[in-house]
Amino acid sequence: MAYHKKYRPNPIVIANVEKKLIEKHYDFLKCKINNGMLYCYGKYQPTEESITYSYRIKYAPLCKPKITVTDPVITYNDDIHIYPQDNSLCLYHKTDLVWDATHHLFDTIIPWTHEWFVFYELYQFTGKWLHPEVRHKKSDKK
């Protein structure tokens, strides 16, 4: 009787694959791997009239990626979709997606980050978050 080892994703391989996919699809992003963690740095300007936002993606393979706006500083408030504990962007709800090794940054997190900036700018004009959402206010957490 043959026994097969259960497949376990290799974090080093995942980080390198993600880096290659991002570099292939987004030549303006600068990526590096440091201690098994993938870091990507980019800028995005939603419209010609918009400011340019700088951001960082920090991805420990097999964990949920964290996206932080590095410039300008955007502080938490209950109306916009950032997490209060670290000001990272809230791009999806756990009922919509559970992050795992089958997902890729280049076709989810990066376009969703750019879309977040569009809705943030709309929020600046309207005072309302116009993207469909699952409400999760800091004041609702115990």
Protein backbone atom coordinates (compact mmCIF):
# COMPACT_ATOMS: atom_id res chain seq x y z
CA MET A 1 0.00 0.00 0.00
CA ALA A 2 1.40 3.38 -1.02
CA TYR A 3 1.06 6.42 1.15
CA HIS A 4 1.01 9.88 -0.35
CA LYS A 5 2.08 12.93 1.52
CA LYS A 6 -0.53 15.61 1.79
CA TYR A 7 0.31 18.53 -0.49
CA ARG A 8 1.49 21.57 1.42
CA PRO A 9 2.08 24.78 -0.48
CA ASN A 10 5.64 26.04 -0.31
CA PRO A 11 5.65 29.71 0.81
CA ILE A 12 8.94 30.46 -0.95
CA VAL A 13 7.58 29.15 -4.25
CA ILE A 14 4.34 31.08 -3.77
CA ALA A 15 6.19 34.36 -3.10
CA ASN A 16 8.34 33.90 -6.21
CA VAL A 17 5.38 32.97 -8.42
CA GLU A 18 3.43 36.01 -7.18
CA LYS A 19 6.42 38.28 -7.80
CA LYS A 20 6.79 37.00 -11.38
CA LEU A 21 3.05 37.36 -12.10
CA ILE A 22 3.01 40.92 -10.76
CA GLU A 23 6.10 41.91 -12.73
CA LYS A 24 4.54 40.43 -15.88
CA HIS A 25 1.23 42.30 -15.51
CA TYR A 26 2.26 45.51 -13.71
CA ASP A 27 5.66 46.81 -14.77
CA PHE A 28 5.21 49.95 -12.64
CA LEU A 29 5.20 47.96 -9.39
CA LYS A 30 8.53 47.32 -7.73
CA CYS A 31 8.66 43.99 -5.90
CA LYS A 32 11.17 42.32 -3.63
CA ILE A 33 11.23 39.27 -1.42
CA ASN A 34 12.75 39.68 2.01
CA ASN A 35 12.79 36.84 4.57
CA GLY A 36 10.09 35.00 2.62
CA MET A 37 7.80 38.05 2.58
CA LEU A 38 6.81 39.69 -0.70
CA TYR A 39 6.78 43.48 -0.72
CA CYS A 40 5.44 45.47 -3.67
CA TYR A 41 5.51 49.24 -3.96
CA GLY A 42 3.43 51.21 -6.39
CA LYS A 43 1.71 54.45 -7.24
CA TYR A 44 -1.73 55.00 -8.68
CA GLN A 45 -3.54 58.08 -9.96
CA PRO A 46 -7.26 57.31 -10.50
CA THR A 47 -7.87 60.28 -12.84
CA GLU A 48 -5.84 63.09 -14.37
CA GLU A 49 -7.31 65.43 -11.75
CA SER A 50 -6.48 63.09 -8.87
CA ILE A 51 -3.49 63.09 -6.62
CA THR A 52 -1.11 60.15 -6.94
CA TYR A 53 -1.36 57.60 -4.17
CA SER A 54 1.63 55.54 -3.08
CA TYR A 55 0.99 52.14 -1.58
CA ARG A 56 2.68 49.01 -0.30
CA ILE A 57 1.55 45.42 -0.53
CA LYS A 58 2.97 43.15 2.16
CA TYR A 59 2.32 39.48 1.53
CA ALA A 60 3.35 36.59 3.70
CA PRO A 61 2.41 33.58 1.54
CA LEU A 62 -0.52 31.59 2.92
CA CYS A 63 -1.68 34.68 4.86
CA LYS A 64 -3.99 37.49 3.86
CA PRO A 65 -2.11 40.31 2.07
CA LYS A 66 -1.96 43.75 3.69
CA ILE A 67 -2.16 46.89 1.60
CA THR A 68 -1.20 50.22 3.12
CA VAL A 69 -1.36 53.69 1.63
CA THR A 70 2.06 55.20 2.28
CA ASP A 71 1.35 58.64 0.81
CA PRO A 72 -0.74 60.59 1.56
CA VAL A 73 -1.52 59.45 5.08
CA ILE A 74 -5.16 58.32 5.23
CA THR A 75 -6.44 57.95 8.75
CA TYR A 76 -9.16 55.61 9.87
CA ASN A 77 -12.77 56.63 10.12
CA ASP A 78 -15.87 54.46 10.27
CA ASP A 79 -17.01 55.41 6.76
CA ILE A 80 -14.05 54.32 4.66
CA HIS A 81 -12.80 50.79 4.29
CA ILE A 82 -9.57 50.60 6.22
CA TYR A 83 -8.85 48.55 9.30
CA PRO A 84 -8.49 50.61 12.49
CA GLN A 85 -5.66 48.54 13.98
CA ASP A 86 -3.14 49.21 11.18
CA ASN A 87 -4.82 51.41 8.54
CA SER A 88 -4.52 48.66 5.92
CA LEU A 89 -7.15 48.65 3.19
CA CYS A 90 -10.27 46.53 3.47
CA LEU A 91 -10.71 45.16 -0.04
CA TYR A 92 -13.05 42.23 0.54
CA HIS A 93 -15.15 40.67 3.27
CA LYS A 94 -14.44 37.22 4.67
CA THR A 95 -17.90 36.09 3.58
CA ASP A 96 -16.96 36.87 -0.04
CA LEU A 97 -13.46 35.43 -0.12
CA VAL A 98 -11.16 33.41 2.09
CA TRP A 99 -7.59 34.06 1.01
CA ASP A 100 -5.56 30.96 0.22
CA ALA A 101 -2.79 29.76 -2.08
CA THR A 102 -5.17 29.50 -5.05
CA HIS A 103 -5.57 33.30 -5.25
CA HIS A 104 -3.15 35.65 -6.95
CA LEU A 105 -2.36 39.26 -6.13
CA PHE A 106 -2.14 40.40 -9.74
CA ASP A 107 -5.78 39.64 -10.62
CA THR A 108 -7.44 40.39 -7.28
CA ILE A 109 -5.61 42.57 -4.76
CA ILE A 110 -3.92 44.97 -7.19
CA PRO A 111 -7.02 45.84 -9.27
CA TRP A 112 -9.10 45.98 -6.08
CA THR A 113 -6.56 48.39 -4.56
CA HIS A 114 -6.82 50.67 -7.58
CA GLU A 115 -10.61 50.47 -7.40
CA TRP A 116 -10.44 51.36 -3.69
CA PHE A 117 -8.69 54.62 -4.62
CA VAL A 118 -11.50 55.48 -7.05
CA PHE A 119 -14.12 54.96 -4.35
CA TYR A 120 -12.02 56.86 -1.82
CA GLU A 121 -11.97 59.84 -4.17
CA LEU A 122 -15.73 59.57 -4.65
CA TYR A 123 -16.05 59.51 -0.87
CA GLN A 124 -14.02 62.73 -0.69
CA PHE A 125 -16.64 64.41 -2.92
CA THR A 126 -19.85 62.82 -1.62
CA GLY A 127 -19.11 61.94 2.00
CA LYS A 128 -20.48 58.43 1.32
CA TRP A 129 -18.76 55.15 0.51
CA LEU A 130 -20.46 54.31 -2.79
CA HIS A 131 -19.07 50.81 -3.37
CA PRO A 132 -21.31 47.91 -2.22
CA GLU A 133 -20.18 46.98 1.25
CA VAL A 134 -20.59 44.92 4.36
CA ARG A 135 -20.64 47.45 7.20
CA HIS A 136 -18.03 46.91 9.89
CA LYS A 137 -17.59 49.97 12.03
CA LYS A 138 -14.91 50.12 14.68
CA SER A 139 -17.60 51.14 17.15
CA ASP A 140 -19.50 47.88 16.38
CA LYS A 141 -16.58 45.71 17.54
CA LYS A 142 -16.36 44.62 21.14
